[in-house]
Amino acid sequence: MSQRKGSTQVRVGSCARELVDLPVVTSNDAYRLGNAVERRGMGWIGARRLVLNDPLGYQNSILFNFLMGENEEQRALVGCVAAHKRRLKVQGVEAGVIHGDNNTIVIPLRLSDKVRFMVEDYPVINTAIVEYKRTHCPWCTNLVIMTLLVWGEDKNHMFAYTYGEYKQSLTVLHAVARTAQSPAGGGLKVSIRSTLNADNDFVYSVYSTHLVIPMVTPSSWHQLLIYGNRAVFDVSREAASLTFFDRVIAPKLKMPGRRERLLRTYTRLEALVPESSMASDWFQREVARRGLAEHRVLVAQMLTWRNWPAIVAPYVVGMGGYDEQVRASQHMAQQEQQQQRWGGA
């Protein structure tokens, strides 16, 4: 998900004709907060390394600070999130831009390269909205749909942008919004928020009182949102996490040579793990096999593990690890690229 200094523009669409103006990212440019923090999914080691390798682009981002803290505990992440929100307030950003208010239901949708899972199931989203409003906030009048049309093409050229998936994404957005505007769908005023700043989007969702996450397309991003939302609305937990950031993480951000040392660590580990062909949960399975607590295992400690070829061997899945729909998506993308080249010849 895109994240660079200055990428803070918020694009909001409220009707069908405005959907075509939403930002589109057709390549993954390293900032993958969910995968990187959870240490799950293809390329999480590389995603961490790339953020550390570009301090000018990612300095003070949630992920950069989290990695510099070199602490995998959940309070470390919550502390970085709370610190980012505090920084936005200090900068004078209005509360309504930082997070949804008590009259607003917020729902993050993962479309783009996962839209195929929602073409038939997206009515579940509207059902979740109606049920949430009826049960938890009958006074709610607004709905904010959080999304970014991003295609994270990997080293195997999977999850590449296709025009078909782009059209399907807009169709799903329009259908969800139109239904939510109807009396039966909640009678809500709908806006679609899409930015190129993953941190601001994450904070907006996490700090929104009425966050709804229908598990149509489960992802590491959504898992972090669920945990983060629960944590920040526990006043004592949020305060303790922010104190942890100020006392433990913030001083480490100023330590000379710390970023370079961590960067070397990730570079060495990345050379040992063939990430493009590994099972998405290989790290979780390996620490479980060793009887270790996942959040206690630091990357530097992983480098002390011996015989990495034998460690990774059971988790290498290659292209066989992809389902048929994903491989079909790749084939469709390749065909579109070929047609574009032929059309321009």
Protein backbone atom coordinates (compact mmCIF):
# COMPACT_ATOMS: atom_id res chain seq x y z
CA MET A 1 0.00 0.00 0.00
CA SER A 2 1.43 3.31 -0.98
CA GLN A 3 3.07 5.33 1.76
CA ARG A 4 5.48 8.14 1.10
CA LYS A 5 6.07 11.48 2.72
CA GLY A 6 3.57 13.91 1.31
CA SER A 7 1.12 11.19 0.19
CA THR A 8 -1.66 12.53 2.38
CA GLN A 9 -4.30 13.58 -0.12
CA VAL A 10 -7.77 12.28 0.72
CA ARG A 11 -10.00 11.51 -2.23
CA VAL A 12 -13.68 11.10 -1.42
CA GLY A 13 -16.32 9.86 -3.83
CA SER A 14 -20.02 10.14 -3.14
CA CYS A 15 -21.58 9.06 -6.41
CA ALA A 16 -20.96 6.65 -9.27
CA ARG A 17 -19.34 9.13 -11.65
CA GLU A 18 -16.77 10.06 -8.98
CA LEU A 19 -15.57 6.47 -8.53
CA VAL A 20 -13.36 6.68 -11.60
CA ASP A 21 -11.38 9.44 -9.86
CA LEU A 22 -10.29 7.19 -6.98
CA PRO A 23 -6.50 6.54 -6.83
CA VAL A 24 -5.23 3.35 -8.47
CA VAL A 25 -1.91 1.71 -7.57
CA THR A 26 -0.79 -0.99 -10.01
CA SER A 27 2.36 -2.13 -8.25
CA ASN A 28 3.19 -2.80 -4.62
CA ASP A 29 5.66 -0.18 -3.45
CA ALA A 30 6.80 -1.87 -0.27
CA TYR A 31 4.58 -0.43 2.48
CA ARG A 32 2.56 -3.47 3.52
CA LEU A 33 1.63 -2.76 7.10
CA GLY A 34 -0.53 -5.81 7.72
CA ASN A 35 1.81 -8.45 6.26
CA ALA A 36 4.93 -6.83 7.71
CA VAL A 37 3.64 -6.49 11.28
CA GLU A 38 1.97 -9.90 11.35
CA ARG A 39 4.98 -11.54 9.67
CA ARG A 40 2.58 -13.37 7.42
CA GLY A 41 2.09 -13.54 3.67
CA MET A 42 4.51 -13.53 0.80
CA GLY A 43 7.46 -11.18 1.11
CA TRP A 44 7.06 -9.86 4.66
CA ILE A 45 10.83 -9.89 5.24
CA GLY A 46 11.42 -7.89 2.08
CA ALA A 47 8.60 -5.49 2.99
CA ARG A 48 10.30 -4.75 6.29
CA ARG A 49 13.72 -4.36 4.69
CA LEU A 50 12.46 -1.96 2.03
CA VAL A 51 10.93 0.38 4.64
CA LEU A 52 14.18 0.47 6.63
CA ASN A 53 16.11 1.00 3.41
CA ASP A 54 14.21 4.20 2.59
CA PRO A 55 14.25 6.43 5.69
CA LEU A 56 13.47 9.57 3.71
CA GLY A 57 10.25 8.02 2.40
CA TYR A 58 9.11 6.14 5.50
CA GLN A 59 10.65 7.86 8.52
CA ASN A 60 8.08 8.38 11.31
CA SER A 61 5.63 6.02 9.63
CA ILE A 62 3.91 3.48 11.85
CA LEU A 63 5.83 0.57 10.34
CA PHE A 64 9.22 2.33 10.38
CA ASN A 65 8.83 3.20 14.07
CA PHE A 66 7.57 -0.29 14.90
CA LEU A 67 10.62 -1.89 13.24
CA MET A 68 13.06 0.54 14.84
CA GLY A 69 11.59 -0.35 18.23
CA GLU A 70 12.62 -3.97 17.63
CA ASN A 71 9.75 -5.24 19.75
CA GLU A 72 7.09 -7.57 18.36
CA GLU A 73 4.65 -7.21 21.24
CA GLN A 74 1.18 -5.90 20.47
CA ARG A 75 1.61 -2.91 22.78
CA ALA A 76 4.49 -1.77 20.55
CA LEU A 77 2.20 -1.57 17.51
CA VAL A 78 -0.62 0.11 19.44
CA GLY A 79 1.88 2.62 20.80
CA CYS A 80 3.07 3.48 17.28
CA VAL A 81 -0.54 3.88 16.10
CA ALA A 82 -1.46 6.09 19.07
CA ALA A 83 1.66 8.20 18.51
CA HIS A 84 0.71 8.70 14.85
CA LYS A 85 -2.76 9.89 15.86
CA ARG A 86 -1.22 12.25 18.41
CA ARG A 87 1.08 13.66 15.73
CA LEU A 88 -1.90 14.34 13.44
CA LYS A 89 -3.66 16.24 16.24
CA VAL A 90 -0.51 18.30 16.91
CA GLN A 91 -0.38 19.15 13.20
CA GLY A 92 -3.87 20.60 13.51
CA VAL A 93 -5.71 17.95 11.51
CA GLU A 94 -9.42 18.09 12.27
CA ALA A 95 -10.92 15.24 14.29
CA GLY A 96 -13.37 14.40 11.49
CA VAL A 97 -10.43 13.77 9.17
CA ILE A 98 -8.51 11.68 11.72
CA HIS A 99 -11.37 9.29 12.47
CA GLY A 100 -15.09 8.74 12.05
CA ASP A 101 -17.45 10.34 14.57
CA ASN A 102 -20.20 8.78 16.66
CA ASN A 103 -22.73 9.20 13.82
CA THR A 104 -20.60 7.38 11.26
CA ILE A 105 -20.22 3.71 10.42
CA VAL A 106 -16.81 2.95 8.92
CA ILE A 107 -16.20 -0.13 6.82
CA PRO A 108 -12.85 -1.02 5.17
CA LEU A 109 -13.11 -2.99 1.93
CA ARG A 110 -10.29 -4.93 0.28
CA LEU A 111 -11.04 -5.02 -3.44
CA SER A 112 -8.57 -4.92 -6.37
CA ASP A 113 -6.71 -8.22 -6.58
CA LYS A 114 -9.15 -9.81 -4.10
CA VAL A 115 -12.35 -8.57 -5.67
CA ARG A 116 -13.04 -12.01 -7.13
CA PHE A 117 -14.01 -13.15 -3.63
CA MET A 118 -16.67 -10.42 -3.40
CA VAL A 119 -18.42 -10.45 -6.76
CA GLU A 120 -21.11 -12.80 -5.42
CA ASP A 121 -20.72 -12.23 -1.66
CA TYR A 122 -20.78 -8.44 -1.41
CA PRO A 123 -24.46 -8.37 -0.26
CA VAL A 124 -23.07 -9.76 3.02
CA ILE A 125 -21.44 -6.35 3.51
CA ASN A 126 -24.75 -4.51 3.30
CA THR A 127 -26.35 -7.02 5.65
CA ALA A 128 -23.56 -6.37 8.16
CA ILE A 129 -24.10 -2.60 7.86
CA VAL A 130 -27.85 -2.88 8.45
CA GLU A 131 -27.41 -5.26 11.39
CA TYR A 132 -24.75 -3.09 12.98
CA LYS A 133 -26.85 0.06 12.71
CA ARG A 134 -29.94 -1.67 14.09
CA THR A 135 -28.05 -3.17 17.03
CA HIS A 136 -25.38 -0.62 17.94
CA CYS A 137 -26.10 2.84 16.49
CA PRO A 138 -29.65 3.37 15.20
CA TRP A 139 -28.84 7.11 15.22
CA CYS A 140 -26.01 6.74 12.68
CA THR A 141 -26.58 8.75 9.51
CA ASN A 142 -23.28 8.34 7.64
CA LEU A 143 -21.27 5.52 6.10
CA VAL A 144 -17.62 5.83 5.12
CA ILE A 145 -16.23 3.07 2.90
CA MET A 146 -12.45 2.88 3.23
CA THR A 147 -10.64 1.43 0.25
CA LEU A 148 -7.60 1.73 -1.98
CA LEU A 149 -7.53 0.21 -5.44
CA VAL A 150 -4.10 -1.43 -5.19
CA TRP A 151 -2.67 -4.40 -7.03
CA GLY A 152 0.35 -5.88 -5.23
CA GLU A 153 2.14 -7.72 -8.02
CA ASP A 154 4.74 -10.08 -6.56
CA LYS A 155 7.95 -11.64 -7.86
CA ASN A 156 5.97 -14.39 -9.59
CA HIS A 157 3.92 -11.67 -11.36
CA MET A 158 0.84 -12.75 -9.43
CA PHE A 159 -1.85 -10.27 -8.34
CA ALA A 160 -1.06 -8.06 -11.32
CA TYR A 161 -3.45 -5.29 -12.33
CA THR A 162 -6.23 -6.23 -14.72
CA TYR A 163 -8.85 -3.92 -16.15
CA GLY A 164 -11.47 -6.57 -15.43
CA GLU A 165 -10.72 -6.52 -11.70
CA TYR A 166 -10.69 -2.72 -11.75
CA LYS A 167 -14.19 -2.65 -13.29
CA GLN A 168 -15.40 -5.28 -10.82
CA SER A 169 -14.04 -3.21 -7.92
CA LEU A 170 -15.98 -0.13 -9.03
CA THR A 171 -19.09 -2.25 -9.54
CA VAL A 172 -18.89 -3.64 -6.00
CA LEU A 173 -18.29 -0.17 -4.52
CA HIS A 174 -21.25 1.28 -6.41
CA ALA A 175 -23.54 -1.60 -5.43
CA VAL A 176 -22.62 -1.43 -1.73
CA ALA A 177 -23.00 2.35 -1.64
CA ARG A 178 -26.30 2.37 -3.55
CA THR A 179 -27.82 -0.27 -1.28
CA ALA A 180 -26.64 1.51 1.89
CA GLN A 181 -28.31 4.71 0.66
CA SER A 182 -31.66 2.98 0.25
CA PRO A 183 -34.17 2.83 3.14
CA ALA A 184 -33.80 -0.95 3.36
CA GLY A 185 -30.01 -0.66 3.37
CA GLY A 186 -29.84 1.84 6.22
CA GLY A 187 -30.72 5.15 4.55
CA LEU A 188 -27.15 6.35 5.04
CA LYS A 189 -25.24 9.20 3.46
CA VAL A 190 -22.33 7.39 1.82
CA SER A 191 -18.81 8.56 1.03
CA ILE A 192 -15.87 6.53 -0.22
CA ARG A 193 -12.52 7.52 1.28
CA SER A 194 -9.38 6.55 -0.59
CA THR A 195 -5.92 7.93 0.15
CA LEU A 196 -2.35 7.03 -0.66
CA ASN A 197 -1.38 7.15 3.01
CA ALA A 198 -1.82 3.79 4.68
CA ASP A 199 -1.04 5.12 8.16
CA ASN A 200 -3.75 7.78 8.05
CA ASP A 201 -6.25 5.24 6.72
CA PHE A 202 -5.30 2.77 9.44
CA VAL A 203 -5.67 5.39 12.18
CA TYR A 204 -8.99 6.56 10.73
CA SER A 205 -10.43 3.04 10.89
CA VAL A 206 -8.90 2.02 14.23
CA TYR A 207 -10.10 5.16 16.02
CA SER A 208 -13.61 5.12 14.57
CA THR A 209 -16.23 4.25 17.17
CA HIS A 210 -18.38 2.26 14.75
CA LEU A 211 -15.93 0.09 12.81
CA VAL A 212 -17.51 -2.79 10.89
CA ILE A 213 -15.36 -5.50 9.32
CA PRO A 214 -17.39 -8.20 7.53
CA MET A 215 -14.98 -11.06 6.93
CA VAL A 216 -15.62 -11.42 3.21
CA THR A 217 -11.97 -10.89 2.34
CA PRO A 218 -9.97 -11.58 5.52
CA SER A 219 -6.46 -10.16 5.52
CA SER A 220 -3.61 -9.24 7.85
CA TRP A 221 -4.71 -5.60 7.52
CA HIS A 222 -8.18 -6.45 8.82
CA GLN A 223 -6.77 -8.53 11.68
CA LEU A 224 -4.68 -5.57 12.82
CA LEU A 225 -7.72 -3.29 12.57
CA ILE A 226 -9.79 -5.58 14.79
CA TYR A 227 -7.12 -5.81 17.46
CA GLY A 228 -6.18 -2.13 17.23
CA ASN A 229 -9.78 -0.94 17.49
CA ARG A 230 -10.32 -2.94 20.65
CA ALA A 231 -7.04 -1.73 22.14
CA VAL A 232 -7.44 2.02 21.55
CA PHE A 233 -10.96 2.10 22.99
CA ASP A 234 -9.62 0.56 26.20
CA VAL A 235 -8.41 3.80 27.78
CA SER A 236 -5.88 2.15 30.08
CA ARG A 237 -4.41 -0.01 27.33
CA GLU A 238 -4.05 2.91 24.94
CA ALA A 239 -2.40 5.06 27.62
CA ALA A 240 -0.01 2.26 28.59
CA SER A 241 0.89 1.66 24.93
CA LEU A 242 1.56 5.36 24.32
CA THR A 243 3.76 5.45 27.42
CA PHE A 244 5.62 2.42 26.09
CA PHE A 245 6.19 4.26 22.81
CA ASP A 246 7.52 7.38 24.55
CA ARG A 247 9.78 5.54 26.99
CA VAL A 248 10.98 2.56 24.93
CA ILE A 249 10.51 3.12 21.18
CA ALA A 250 11.02 6.88 20.76
CA PRO A 251 14.56 6.87 22.24
CA LYS A 252 15.55 4.07 19.85
CA LEU A 253 14.54 6.19 16.86
CA LYS A 254 17.46 8.51 17.66
CA MET A 255 20.14 5.87 18.25
CA PRO A 256 23.02 6.26 15.77
CA GLY A 257 23.49 3.27 13.49
CA ARG A 258 20.38 1.44 14.69
CA ARG A 259 18.55 1.56 11.36
CA GLU A 260 21.66 0.37 9.49
CA ARG A 261 22.11 -2.57 11.88
CA LEU A 262 18.50 -3.63 11.52
CA LEU A 263 18.70 -3.25 7.75
CA ARG A 264 21.69 -5.61 7.63
CA THR A 265 19.75 -8.10 9.75
CA TYR A 266 16.78 -8.16 7.38
CA THR A 267 19.04 -8.30 4.33
CA ARG A 268 20.80 -11.38 5.73
CA LEU A 269 17.52 -13.09 6.61
CA GLU A 270 16.00 -12.30 3.23
CA ALA A 271 18.95 -14.05 1.56
CA LEU A 272 18.20 -17.21 3.56
CA VAL A 273 14.45 -17.42 2.88
CA PRO A 274 13.04 -17.94 -0.65
CA GLU A 275 10.02 -15.77 0.09
CA SER A 276 8.50 -15.92 -3.38
CA SER A 277 7.85 -19.64 -3.00
CA MET A 278 7.12 -19.97 0.73
CA ALA A 279 3.81 -20.76 2.40
CA SER A 280 2.21 -17.57 3.73
CA ASP A 281 2.25 -18.82 7.35
CA TRP A 282 5.69 -20.44 7.36
CA PHE A 283 6.94 -18.26 10.20
CA GLN A 284 3.97 -19.09 12.46
CA ARG A 285 4.33 -22.80 11.75
CA GLU A 286 8.06 -22.76 12.42
CA VAL A 287 7.87 -20.95 15.77
CA ALA A 288 5.04 -23.28 16.81
CA ARG A 289 7.20 -26.27 15.89
CA ARG A 290 9.95 -24.86 18.09
CA GLY A 291 7.53 -24.24 20.96
CA LEU A 292 8.23 -20.50 20.94
CA ALA A 293 5.90 -17.59 21.68
CA GLU A 294 5.46 -15.79 18.33
CA HIS A 295 5.60 -12.24 19.69
CA ARG A 296 8.76 -13.01 21.66
CA VAL A 297 10.78 -14.01 18.61
CA LEU A 298 12.92 -11.23 17.16
CA VAL A 299 14.34 -11.30 13.66
CA ALA A 300 17.87 -11.04 15.04
CA GLN A 301 17.22 -14.23 17.01
CA MET A 302 16.06 -16.00 13.86
CA LEU A 303 19.52 -15.53 12.38
CA THR A 304 20.90 -17.76 15.13
CA TRP A 305 18.79 -20.68 13.93
CA ARG A 306 20.98 -23.26 12.24
CA ASN A 307 20.62 -25.01 8.87
CA TRP A 308 18.23 -22.69 7.07
CA PRO A 309 17.92 -24.92 3.97
CA ALA A 310 16.42 -27.61 6.21
CA ILE A 311 14.24 -25.04 8.01
CA VAL A 312 12.58 -23.66 4.89
CA ALA A 313 12.28 -26.95 2.97
CA PRO A 314 8.92 -28.06 4.51
CA TYR A 315 7.33 -24.69 3.74
CA VAL A 316 8.28 -24.28 0.09
CA VAL A 317 5.08 -24.49 -1.94
CA GLY A 318 6.01 -22.76 -5.21
CA MET A 319 3.21 -21.92 -7.59
CA GLY A 320 1.26 -24.91 -6.31
CA GLY A 321 0.39 -22.81 -3.29
CA TYR A 322 -1.83 -20.55 -5.39
CA ASP A 323 -5.45 -21.45 -6.00
CA GLU A 324 -6.77 -21.84 -9.54
CA GLN A 325 -8.58 -18.49 -9.46
CA VAL A 326 -5.37 -16.64 -8.65
CA ARG A 327 -3.50 -18.39 -11.47
CA ALA A 328 -6.38 -17.56 -13.80
CA SER A 329 -6.12 -13.93 -12.72
CA GLN A 330 -2.43 -13.94 -13.57
CA HIS A 331 -3.18 -15.44 -16.99
CA MET A 332 -5.83 -12.76 -17.63
CA ALA A 333 -3.35 -10.02 -16.72
CA GLN A 334 -0.77 -11.47 -19.10
CA GLN A 335 -3.33 -11.63 -21.92
CA GLU A 336 -4.31 -7.98 -21.37
CA GLN A 337 -0.65 -6.94 -21.46
CA GLN A 338 -0.13 -8.83 -24.70
CA GLN A 339 -3.22 -7.26 -26.27
CA GLN A 340 -2.03 -3.79 -25.27
CA ARG A 341 1.37 -4.44 -26.84
CA TRP A 342 -0.19 -5.80 -30.04
CA GLY A 343 -2.63 -2.90 -30.16
CA GLY A 344 0.26 -0.43 -29.98
CA ALA A 345 2.34 -2.18 -32.63
